[in-house]
């Protein structure tokens, strides 16, 4: 079958779903499309995907300015499995505190940005996945590694705190460790502060820390850094969608499942994190459900 016929068949399969979305909207509004309704990502021909630009290994900009990393590759392949051509995929930078707002306002269609699924976030966002379950760990300077073996050893230490990230509160509130907060713009900034001696530790997802530590080593600046290797939580990375886009969530879940079954996801994990020696899980994660 030619590329043009494949594209036509894809559009034909989408037509009933698109008509159903429009019909439901008309029924609600009485005339025209209802205010606040949006087309499901399951039937869109183009997608704007919110991503980070400062998490090496996960999502960052390369020397030429193009986005690269595990999250970027996952986003591209999910979009393509939804029937969106590569040329119709646009990446938009999002900060941690912007993810829910960008989804609710329609500035992005999906968010693939080391976005941990939590019950509180699920009140505002529909999550597909997770596409991977990371673990929160702690990064310290090599000289301090002998004295900091787990999060309890952070008591009285300066711990970097990124706004709207759950990592800091998990150490302070859930684990009850009396750390001293030091603000960071993002985790790249936190690792810079760790290297310069402004903070004593950075605690967040191991995939993020692995990438940032590797970049710090490559840059040759500052002291050597070490992972504590004492994980304190599971961090299910989900793909954020507009609240109540159940059809889109189910379509994305199908794409994720296929990527693990055909070896795409395990290959991407080994590509981005294998060289750093991080042991990754290559089986399909247990999905949270599209509620």
Protein backbone atom coordinates (compact mmCIF):
# COMPACT_ATOMS: atom_id res chain seq x y z
CA UNK A 1 0.00 0.00 0.00
CA UNK A 2 1.35 3.44 -0.91
CA UNK A 3 2.08 6.07 1.73
CA UNK A 4 -0.82 8.19 0.41
CA UNK A 5 -3.27 5.28 0.66
CA UNK A 6 -2.04 4.44 4.18
CA UNK A 7 -2.59 8.06 5.22
CA UNK A 8 -6.07 8.05 3.66
CA UNK A 9 -6.99 4.84 5.45
CA UNK A 10 -5.77 6.29 8.73
CA UNK A 11 -7.92 9.40 8.28
CA UNK A 12 -10.90 7.22 7.39
CA UNK A 13 -10.53 5.23 10.59
CA UNK A 14 -10.41 8.48 12.54
CA UNK A 15 -13.52 9.97 10.96
CA UNK A 16 -16.13 8.15 13.11
CA UNK A 17 -14.31 9.12 16.32
CA UNK A 18 -14.02 12.73 15.23
CA UNK A 19 -17.72 12.85 14.30
CA UNK A 20 -18.62 11.38 17.68
CA UNK A 21 -16.62 14.06 19.48
CA UNK A 22 -18.31 16.82 17.44
CA UNK A 23 -21.77 15.33 17.93
CA UNK A 24 -21.30 15.18 21.71
CA UNK A 25 -20.14 18.77 21.75
CA UNK A 26 -23.12 19.95 19.72
CA UNK A 27 -25.49 18.10 22.03
CA UNK A 28 -24.09 19.93 25.03
CA UNK A 29 -24.10 23.41 23.52
CA UNK A 30 -27.25 23.20 21.46
CA UNK A 31 -25.53 25.01 18.58
CA UNK A 32 -21.88 24.89 17.62
CA UNK A 33 -19.07 23.35 19.63
CA UNK A 34 -19.52 23.55 23.39
CA UNK A 35 -17.34 26.02 25.25
CA UNK A 36 -14.40 24.32 26.93
CA UNK A 37 -14.56 21.12 24.86
CA UNK A 38 -11.46 19.92 23.04
CA UNK A 39 -10.71 17.24 20.50
CA UNK A 40 -9.23 14.05 21.92
CA UNK A 41 -5.58 13.38 21.15
CA UNK A 42 -6.81 10.06 19.76
CA UNK A 43 -8.13 11.84 16.64
CA UNK A 44 -5.76 14.76 16.20
CA UNK A 45 -3.62 15.10 13.07
CA UNK A 46 -0.97 17.20 14.86
CA UNK A 47 0.23 17.35 18.44
CA UNK A 48 2.00 19.90 20.65
CA UNK A 49 3.88 18.01 23.35
CA UNK A 50 5.15 19.64 26.54
CA UNK A 51 8.69 18.57 27.45
CA UNK A 52 11.59 19.68 29.62
CA UNK A 53 14.73 21.16 28.07
CA UNK A 54 17.16 20.73 30.95
CA UNK A 55 17.20 17.04 31.94
CA UNK A 56 20.06 15.28 30.10
CA UNK A 57 19.24 11.70 29.20
CA UNK A 58 15.53 12.42 29.58
CA UNK A 59 14.86 15.64 27.72
CA UNK A 60 17.28 18.39 26.76
CA UNK A 61 18.47 20.39 23.77
CA UNK A 62 21.47 19.11 21.88
CA UNK A 63 24.24 21.18 20.32
CA UNK A 64 22.08 21.95 17.29
CA UNK A 65 19.10 23.01 19.40
CA UNK A 66 17.01 19.90 18.72
CA UNK A 67 15.34 18.09 21.61
CA UNK A 68 16.80 14.71 22.56
CA UNK A 69 16.50 12.09 25.30
CA UNK A 70 14.39 9.18 26.49
CA UNK A 71 11.25 11.27 27.06
CA UNK A 72 11.62 12.83 23.60
CA UNK A 73 11.94 9.44 21.91
CA UNK A 74 8.96 8.11 23.86
CA UNK A 75 6.89 11.16 22.90
CA UNK A 76 7.76 10.84 19.21
CA UNK A 77 6.94 7.17 19.03
CA UNK A 78 3.67 7.50 20.95
CA UNK A 79 2.58 10.31 18.62
CA UNK A 80 3.47 8.30 15.55
CA UNK A 81 1.51 5.30 16.87
CA UNK A 82 -1.46 7.64 17.30
CA UNK A 83 -1.21 8.29 13.56
CA UNK A 84 0.52 11.68 13.70
CA UNK A 85 3.20 12.28 11.09
CA UNK A 86 6.65 13.19 12.42
CA UNK A 87 6.42 16.59 10.74
CA UNK A 88 3.25 17.40 12.70
CA UNK A 89 4.84 16.90 16.13
CA UNK A 90 5.83 20.11 17.94
CA UNK A 91 7.74 20.20 21.22
CA UNK A 92 7.07 23.02 23.68
CA UNK A 93 9.19 23.70 26.74
CA UNK A 94 7.32 23.34 30.06
CA UNK A 95 8.54 23.85 33.61
CA UNK A 96 7.31 21.60 36.42
CA UNK A 97 4.87 24.24 37.68
CA UNK A 98 3.41 24.80 34.18
CA UNK A 99 2.40 21.27 33.26
CA UNK A 100 -1.19 21.24 34.54
CA UNK A 101 -1.90 24.77 33.35
CA UNK A 102 -0.62 24.15 29.84
CA UNK A 103 -2.83 21.08 29.55
CA UNK A 104 -5.95 22.80 30.89
CA UNK A 105 -5.54 25.82 28.61
CA UNK A 106 -4.80 23.72 25.55
CA UNK A 107 -1.30 25.12 25.05
CA UNK A 108 -0.10 21.52 24.83
CA UNK A 109 -1.93 18.30 23.96
CA UNK A 110 0.34 15.94 25.88
CA UNK A 111 3.01 16.32 28.55
CA UNK A 112 5.97 13.93 28.55
CA UNK A 113 8.26 15.54 31.10
CA UNK A 114 9.38 13.22 33.93
CA UNK A 115 5.79 13.71 35.14
CA UNK A 116 5.23 11.50 38.19
CA UNK A 117 1.65 10.29 38.63
CA UNK A 118 0.19 11.24 42.03
CA UNK A 119 -3.34 11.13 43.39
CA UNK A 120 -3.34 14.90 43.85
CA UNK A 121 -2.29 15.53 40.25
CA UNK A 122 -4.91 13.08 38.98
CA UNK A 123 -7.60 15.49 40.20
CA UNK A 124 -6.49 17.92 37.48
CA UNK A 125 -4.94 15.76 34.77
CA UNK A 126 -5.68 12.44 33.08
CA UNK A 127 -2.59 10.24 33.02
CA UNK A 128 -1.73 7.51 30.57
CA UNK A 129 0.88 4.99 31.58
CA UNK A 130 3.20 4.97 33.37
CA UNK A 131 5.68 4.44 30.55
CA UNK A 132 8.42 3.87 33.13
CA UNK A 133 8.71 3.61 36.92
CA UNK A 134 11.75 5.49 38.17
CA UNK A 135 12.85 5.73 41.82
CA UNK A 136 13.71 8.73 43.96
CA UNK A 137 17.33 8.65 45.08
CA UNK A 138 19.92 11.17 46.29
CA UNK A 139 23.00 12.69 44.66
CA UNK A 140 25.89 13.97 46.80
CA UNK A 141 29.51 15.00 46.37
CA UNK A 142 31.90 12.05 46.33
CA UNK A 143 33.69 13.44 49.40
CA UNK A 144 30.42 13.25 51.38
CA UNK A 145 29.28 9.83 50.17
CA UNK A 146 30.69 7.94 53.15
CA UNK A 147 28.68 10.11 55.58
CA UNK A 148 25.43 10.15 53.58
CA UNK A 149 24.20 6.62 52.99
CA UNK A 150 20.43 7.26 52.96
CA UNK A 151 17.95 10.12 53.39
CA UNK A 152 18.08 9.96 57.19
CA UNK A 153 21.68 11.15 56.95
CA UNK A 154 20.44 14.38 55.35
CA UNK A 155 19.22 15.73 58.71
CA UNK A 156 20.66 19.21 59.15
CA UNK A 157 21.98 19.20 55.56
CA UNK A 158 21.12 21.69 52.83
CA UNK A 159 18.76 20.00 50.38
CA UNK A 160 17.81 21.65 47.09
CA UNK A 161 14.08 22.35 46.68
CA UNK A 162 12.41 22.83 43.29
CA UNK A 163 9.01 24.53 43.29
CA UNK A 164 6.04 22.20 42.65
CA UNK A 165 8.21 19.09 42.66
CA UNK A 166 7.17 16.38 45.13
CA UNK A 167 10.73 15.18 45.76
CA UNK A 168 11.64 17.64 48.52
CA UNK A 169 8.39 17.15 50.45
CA UNK A 170 8.84 13.39 50.26
CA UNK A 171 12.10 13.70 52.19
CA UNK A 172 10.99 16.37 54.65
CA UNK A 173 7.32 15.50 55.24
CA UNK A 174 6.90 11.83 54.40
CA UNK A 175 10.25 10.71 55.81
CA UNK A 176 10.35 13.37 58.52
CA UNK A 177 13.96 14.36 57.85
CA UNK A 178 14.83 17.83 59.20
CA UNK A 179 16.60 19.13 56.11
CA UNK A 180 17.47 22.76 55.38
CA UNK A 181 15.72 23.93 52.19
CA UNK A 182 17.67 25.76 49.52
CA UNK A 183 15.70 26.87 46.43
CA UNK A 184 16.64 25.71 42.95
CA UNK A 185 15.17 26.83 39.63
CA UNK A 186 15.19 23.22 38.40
CA UNK A 187 17.26 20.08 38.98
CA UNK A 188 19.97 21.19 36.58
CA UNK A 189 20.37 24.26 38.78
CA UNK A 190 20.33 22.04 41.87
CA UNK A 191 23.22 19.95 40.55
CA UNK A 192 25.15 23.11 39.73
CA UNK A 193 24.62 24.23 43.33
CA UNK A 194 25.77 20.80 44.56
CA UNK A 195 28.95 21.05 42.50
CA UNK A 196 29.63 24.59 43.75
CA UNK A 197 29.02 23.71 47.42
CA UNK A 198 25.82 25.73 47.87
CA UNK A 199 23.81 22.64 48.79
CA UNK A 200 24.79 19.28 50.27
CA UNK A 201 22.45 17.01 48.36
CA UNK A 202 19.90 16.76 45.55
CA UNK A 203 17.10 14.21 45.83
CA UNK A 204 14.80 13.33 42.95
CA UNK A 205 14.24 10.65 40.31
CA UNK A 206 17.22 8.42 39.55
CA UNK A 207 16.86 8.89 35.78
CA UNK A 208 17.11 12.67 36.20
CA UNK A 209 20.07 12.43 38.57
CA UNK A 210 21.89 9.95 36.33
CA UNK A 211 21.71 12.26 33.34
CA UNK A 212 22.69 15.39 35.25
CA UNK A 213 25.60 13.68 36.98
CA UNK A 214 26.87 12.38 33.65
CA UNK A 215 26.75 15.88 32.16
CA UNK A 216 28.60 17.28 35.18
CA UNK A 217 31.36 14.71 34.65
CA UNK A 218 31.55 15.51 30.92
CA UNK A 219 31.85 19.24 31.61
CA UNK A 220 34.81 18.61 33.90
CA UNK A 221 33.68 21.27 36.36
CA UNK A 222 33.41 20.84 40.09
CA UNK A 223 33.94 17.80 42.32
CA UNK A 224 32.94 14.25 41.44
CA UNK A 225 29.35 13.34 42.29
CA UNK A 226 27.95 10.05 43.55
CA UNK A 227 24.51 8.47 43.76
CA UNK A 228 23.62 7.29 47.26
CA UNK A 229 21.81 4.26 45.75
CA UNK A 230 19.17 4.17 48.50
CA UNK A 231 15.83 4.67 46.70
CA UNK A 232 12.90 5.85 48.80
CA UNK A 233 9.98 5.70 46.40
CA UNK A 234 8.55 4.59 43.11
CA UNK A 235 8.11 7.38 40.56
CA UNK A 236 5.63 6.29 37.89
CA UNK A 237 6.26 8.52 34.88
CA UNK A 238 2.96 9.23 33.18
CA UNK A 239 1.93 11.00 30.00
CA UNK A 240 -0.33 13.89 30.95
CA UNK A 241 -3.50 14.59 28.96
CA UNK A 242 -6.32 17.07 29.30
CA UNK A 243 -8.60 16.03 32.16
CA UNK A 244 -11.21 13.43 31.11
CA UNK A 245 -9.68 12.64 27.72
CA UNK A 246 -10.35 8.95 28.31
CA UNK A 247 -10.23 7.99 24.63
CA UNK A 248 -6.84 9.64 24.28
CA UNK A 249 -5.56 7.96 27.45
CA UNK A 250 -6.59 4.51 26.24
CA UNK A 251 -4.97 5.11 22.85
CA UNK A 252 -1.71 6.21 24.48
CA UNK A 253 -1.76 3.19 26.81
CA UNK A 254 -2.10 0.93 23.79
CA UNK A 255 0.89 2.64 22.17
CA UNK A 256 3.01 2.21 25.33
CA UNK A 257 2.10 -1.47 25.59
CA UNK A 258 3.08 -2.07 21.97
CA UNK A 259 6.40 -0.30 22.52
CA UNK A 260 7.34 -2.70 25.32
CA UNK A 261 6.08 -5.75 23.46
CA UNK A 262 8.06 -5.03 20.29
CA UNK A 263 11.24 -4.03 22.14
CA UNK A 264 11.12 -0.30 21.35
CA UNK A 265 10.90 0.93 24.96
CA UNK A 266 13.55 -1.44 26.38
CA UNK A 267 15.89 -0.42 23.55
CA UNK A 268 15.41 3.26 24.35
CA UNK A 269 16.07 2.67 28.04
CA UNK A 270 19.33 0.88 27.28
CA UNK A 271 20.31 3.58 24.77
CA UNK A 272 19.95 6.48 27.20
CA UNK A 273 20.77 4.94 30.61
CA UNK A 274 22.67 1.73 29.97
CA UNK A 275 26.06 3.47 29.46
CA UNK A 276 25.73 5.09 32.90
CA UNK A 277 25.36 1.68 34.55
CA UNK A 278 21.81 2.27 35.79
CA UNK A 279 19.84 -0.97 36.01
CA UNK A 280 16.56 -0.36 34.20
CA UNK A 281 13.32 -2.35 34.13
CA UNK A 282 12.29 -3.51 30.68
CA UNK A 283 8.84 -5.02 31.35
CA UNK A 284 5.54 -3.20 30.80
CA UNK A 285 4.71 -1.09 33.89
CA UNK A 286 1.35 -1.60 35.58
CA UNK A 287 -0.98 1.10 34.30
CA UNK A 288 -2.81 3.41 36.66
CA UNK A 289 -6.07 3.47 34.69
CA UNK A 290 -7.65 6.31 32.74
CA UNK A 291 -9.83 7.79 35.51
